[in-house]
Amino acid sequence: MMSVFLTEVRGICVDAFVNLRAWRWRLLWGLVGFLAAATLTVPRDAAWVDAVRSANAPFWVELADVCSVWGDYPRGPLIVVAVLFVLGVILRRPHLRRSAIACFLAASIAGTCAVSLRSLVGRPRPRSSLPDGLYGPSLDHTLHSFPSGHSASAFGTACALLPTVPLLGVPALLFAGGVAWSRMHRNYHHLTDVAGGAGLGVVFGLAFGVAVRRRGKMPLASD
């Protein structure tokens, strides 16, 4: 069973990276577009955070806390993965098990990329007393603003579900948007930070989700 599972994981990974290679020019132009938009957005990042945080009624504060806590990796994404995988086993639905694998891989890789990048970029969080800028490699948590790890893993999970289990993918995508909003509301990230994290999640989520969809509903060797 374990060898079958590992073979399935390897196959999904290969297919996902084939997708990324096929999309390389689209990804490049997407990156260029993001950088161009960021040059216009960064000077107004503080104003965007202030606008989001102006909704300071208890309901919004509590909602931001809930989205931020449950959107964190591994808590939120792994709950989705576990439920999907168990349902796939109980119902004997290989497609659900593959979807769980896609969610796990997309959220993990997108989140890891975000954490690695923000350690290298060194942008101060909005709550930091430092002037905004790029301070370079740092292990200081207050300099880990760009990109948002919460947004990366939340959108990675949601976008892996969209092509595989759309009924879950749509609400998951809405929740991912709520997670990104909550990170601004709690003063941890700027608009460009959550947009950058979301971009990572979308790319890896769709790459793995499309890989699973192309595999269809064929049974595993263990079924």
Protein backbone atom coordinates (compact mmCIF):
# COMPACT_ATOMS: atom_id res chain seq x y z
CA MET A 1 0.00 0.00 0.00
CA MET A 2 2.80 2.40 0.91
CA SER A 3 4.67 1.74 -2.33
CA VAL A 4 1.47 2.40 -4.29
CA PHE A 5 0.93 5.64 -2.38
CA LEU A 6 4.51 6.83 -2.98
CA THR A 7 4.21 5.96 -6.67
CA GLU A 8 1.03 8.02 -6.85
CA VAL A 9 2.70 10.98 -5.12
CA ARG A 10 5.67 10.78 -7.48
CA GLY A 11 3.40 10.63 -10.52
CA ILE A 12 1.39 13.68 -9.40
CA CYS A 13 4.60 15.61 -8.71
CA VAL A 14 6.00 14.78 -12.16
CA ASP A 15 2.76 15.83 -13.85
CA ALA A 16 2.59 19.05 -11.82
CA PHE A 17 6.11 20.10 -12.76
CA VAL A 18 5.39 19.25 -16.39
CA ASN A 19 2.51 21.73 -16.09
CA LEU A 20 4.80 24.37 -14.60
CA ARG A 21 7.28 23.88 -17.42
CA ALA A 22 4.52 24.16 -20.02
CA TRP A 23 3.30 27.37 -18.37
CA ARG A 24 6.77 28.92 -18.01
CA TRP A 25 6.13 31.83 -20.40
CA ARG A 26 2.77 32.61 -18.81
CA LEU A 27 4.41 32.51 -15.39
CA LEU A 28 7.18 34.80 -16.56
CA TRP A 29 4.73 37.36 -17.92
CA GLY A 30 2.65 37.00 -14.77
CA LEU A 31 5.74 37.79 -12.69
CA VAL A 32 6.51 40.82 -14.86
CA GLY A 33 2.92 41.99 -14.43
CA PHE A 34 3.07 41.51 -10.67
CA LEU A 35 6.32 43.48 -10.39
CA ALA A 36 4.87 46.27 -12.50
CA ALA A 37 1.73 46.40 -10.36
CA ALA A 38 3.82 46.25 -7.18
CA THR A 39 5.76 49.37 -8.16
CA LEU A 40 2.45 51.23 -8.21
CA THR A 41 0.99 49.55 -5.14
CA VAL A 42 3.91 49.54 -2.68
CA PRO A 43 3.83 53.32 -2.04
CA ARG A 44 0.17 52.95 -1.00
CA ASP A 45 0.57 49.73 0.97
CA ALA A 46 0.29 51.49 4.32
CA ALA A 47 -2.94 53.19 3.22
CA TRP A 48 -4.41 49.83 2.17
CA VAL A 49 -3.60 48.32 5.56
CA ASP A 50 -5.16 51.31 7.32
CA ALA A 51 -8.30 50.96 5.19
CA VAL A 52 -8.64 47.26 6.02
CA ARG A 53 -7.99 47.85 9.72
CA SER A 54 -10.60 50.63 9.84
CA ALA A 55 -13.19 47.84 10.14
CA ASN A 56 -12.46 47.47 13.86
CA ALA A 57 -15.84 46.39 15.22
CA PRO A 58 -15.62 43.28 17.45
CA PHE A 59 -17.16 41.10 14.73
CA TRP A 60 -14.43 41.96 12.22
CA VAL A 61 -11.66 41.58 14.78
CA GLU A 62 -12.91 38.14 15.79
CA LEU A 63 -13.42 37.09 12.17
CA ALA A 64 -9.87 38.13 11.32
CA ASP A 65 -8.56 36.09 14.27
CA VAL A 66 -10.52 33.01 13.19
CA CYS A 67 -9.42 33.24 9.53
CA SER A 68 -5.81 33.82 10.53
CA VAL A 69 -5.71 30.91 12.99
CA TRP A 70 -7.50 28.37 10.80
CA GLY A 71 -5.77 29.51 7.63
CA ASP A 72 -2.36 28.85 9.15
CA TYR A 73 -0.25 25.94 7.91
CA PRO A 74 -0.41 23.15 8.89
CA ARG A 75 -3.66 23.50 10.85
CA GLY A 76 -6.19 24.48 8.17
CA PRO A 77 -4.72 22.83 5.07
CA LEU A 78 -4.01 19.54 6.84
CA ILE A 79 -7.58 19.31 8.12
CA VAL A 80 -8.79 19.54 4.51
CA VAL A 81 -6.20 16.98 3.43
CA ALA A 82 -7.10 14.54 6.21
CA VAL A 83 -10.86 14.77 5.58
CA LEU A 84 -10.47 14.31 1.82
CA PHE A 85 -8.08 11.40 2.20
CA VAL A 86 -10.25 9.57 4.75
CA LEU A 87 -13.35 10.08 2.59
CA GLY A 88 -11.44 8.75 -0.39
CA VAL A 89 -10.48 5.61 1.54
CA ILE A 90 -13.95 5.03 3.02
CA LEU A 91 -15.81 5.69 -0.23
CA ARG A 92 -13.12 4.02 -2.35
CA ARG A 93 -12.74 7.16 -4.45
CA PRO A 94 -9.16 7.41 -5.77
CA HIS A 95 -9.91 10.88 -7.11
CA LEU A 96 -10.52 12.21 -3.59
CA ARG A 97 -7.28 10.69 -2.35
CA ARG A 98 -5.36 12.27 -5.20
CA SER A 99 -7.04 15.59 -4.46
CA ALA A 100 -5.85 15.32 -0.86
CA ILE A 101 -2.31 14.66 -2.09
CA ALA A 102 -2.52 17.65 -4.44
CA CYS A 103 -3.72 19.94 -1.63
CA PHE A 104 -0.95 18.80 0.68
CA LEU A 105 1.81 19.21 -1.90
CA ALA A 106 0.56 22.56 -3.20
CA ALA A 107 0.10 24.07 0.27
CA SER A 108 3.44 22.71 1.48
CA ILE A 109 5.49 23.83 -1.50
CA ALA A 110 3.82 27.24 -1.81
CA GLY A 111 4.19 27.84 1.92
CA THR A 112 7.83 26.73 1.92
CA CYS A 113 8.61 29.02 -1.02
CA ALA A 114 6.96 31.94 0.79
CA VAL A 115 8.87 31.31 4.02
CA SER A 116 12.16 30.98 2.14
CA LEU A 117 11.60 34.13 0.08
CA ARG A 118 10.59 36.31 3.01
CA SER A 119 13.71 35.24 4.90
CA LEU A 120 15.77 36.50 1.95
CA VAL A 121 13.81 39.67 1.13
CA GLY A 122 13.65 41.11 4.65
CA ARG A 123 10.68 43.44 4.31
CA PRO A 124 9.39 44.88 7.63
CA ARG A 125 5.87 43.96 8.68
CA PRO A 126 3.38 46.85 8.93
CA ARG A 127 3.51 46.57 12.74
CA SER A 128 7.29 47.05 12.70
CA SER A 129 8.79 50.39 13.69
CA LEU A 130 11.29 50.16 10.81
CA PRO A 131 10.75 52.19 7.62
CA ASP A 132 9.39 50.11 4.73
CA GLY A 133 12.04 48.67 2.44
CA LEU A 134 14.05 45.57 1.61
CA TYR A 135 16.62 44.79 4.30
CA GLY A 136 17.97 41.55 2.86
CA PRO A 137 18.37 38.10 4.47
CA SER A 138 17.20 37.99 8.07
CA LEU A 139 15.86 35.57 10.68
CA ASP A 140 14.04 38.39 12.45
CA HIS A 141 10.28 37.65 12.40
CA THR A 142 9.47 41.36 12.06
CA LEU A 143 11.33 41.37 8.72
CA HIS A 144 9.31 38.50 7.24
CA SER A 145 6.52 40.44 5.60
CA PHE A 146 6.88 39.57 1.89
CA PRO A 147 5.38 37.24 0.82
CA SER A 148 2.64 36.00 3.15
CA GLY A 149 2.99 32.33 4.10
CA HIS A 150 -0.64 32.15 5.27
CA SER A 151 -1.86 33.37 1.89
CA ALA A 152 0.43 31.01 -0.01
CA SER A 153 -0.72 27.85 1.76
CA ALA A 154 -4.39 28.88 1.86
CA PHE A 155 -4.53 29.67 -1.87
CA GLY A 156 -2.43 26.58 -2.63
CA THR A 157 -5.04 24.41 -0.94
CA ALA A 158 -7.99 26.19 -2.57
CA CYS A 159 -6.55 26.21 -6.08
CA ALA A 160 -5.66 22.52 -5.88
CA LEU A 161 -9.31 21.85 -5.03
CA LEU A 162 -10.80 24.01 -7.79
CA PRO A 163 -9.97 21.66 -10.72
CA THR A 164 -10.47 18.48 -8.68
CA VAL A 165 -13.40 19.04 -6.30
CA PRO A 166 -15.01 22.34 -7.41
CA LEU A 167 -17.80 21.98 -4.85
CA LEU A 168 -15.16 22.40 -2.14
CA GLY A 169 -12.80 24.55 -4.19
CA VAL A 170 -15.10 27.57 -4.45
CA PRO A 171 -15.73 28.00 -0.70
CA ALA A 172 -12.06 27.19 -0.05
CA LEU A 173 -11.08 30.01 -2.41
CA LEU A 174 -13.39 32.42 -0.60
CA PHE A 175 -11.86 31.35 2.70
CA ALA A 176 -8.36 31.86 1.27
CA GLY A 177 -9.37 35.42 0.39
CA GLY A 178 -10.52 35.82 3.98
CA VAL A 179 -7.16 34.56 5.23
CA ALA A 180 -5.32 37.13 3.10
CA TRP A 181 -7.63 39.88 4.36
CA SER A 182 -7.10 38.76 7.96
CA ARG A 183 -3.33 39.05 7.67
CA MET A 184 -3.73 42.69 6.68
CA HIS A 185 -6.38 43.29 9.32
CA ARG A 186 -4.08 41.90 12.02
CA ASN A 187 -1.29 44.18 10.79
CA TYR A 188 1.07 41.37 9.79
CA HIS A 189 1.21 41.96 6.04
CA HIS A 190 0.83 44.59 3.33
CA LEU A 191 -1.37 44.22 0.26
CA THR A 192 1.59 43.27 -1.95
CA ASP A 193 2.65 40.66 0.63
CA VAL A 194 -0.67 38.82 0.54
CA ALA A 195 -0.87 39.22 -3.25
CA GLY A 196 2.59 37.69 -3.63
CA GLY A 197 1.72 34.81 -1.33
CA ALA A 198 -1.59 34.25 -3.11
CA GLY A 199 0.24 34.18 -6.44
CA LEU A 200 2.50 31.38 -5.23
CA GLY A 201 -0.52 29.46 -3.97
CA VAL A 202 -2.42 29.88 -7.24
CA VAL A 203 0.52 28.69 -9.35
CA PHE A 204 1.31 25.57 -7.32
CA GLY A 205 -2.33 24.86 -6.51
CA LEU A 206 -3.38 24.84 -10.17
CA ALA A 207 -0.29 22.90 -11.23
CA PHE A 208 -1.08 20.06 -8.83
CA GLY A 209 -4.85 20.32 -9.23
CA VAL A 210 -4.68 20.09 -13.02
CA ALA A 211 -2.27 17.17 -12.70
CA VAL A 212 -4.83 15.27 -10.63
CA ARG A 213 -7.71 16.18 -12.93
CA ARG A 214 -5.84 14.82 -15.94
CA ARG A 215 -5.38 11.53 -14.13
CA GLY A 216 -9.14 11.30 -13.98
CA LYS A 217 -10.90 8.80 -11.78
CA MET A 218 -8.86 5.73 -12.70
CA PRO A 219 -8.42 3.38 -9.75
CA LEU A 220 -5.19 2.95 -7.84
CA ALA A 221 -3.43 -0.38 -8.00
CA SER A 222 -4.63 -1.07 -4.44
CA ASP A 223 -8.33 -0.66 -5.32
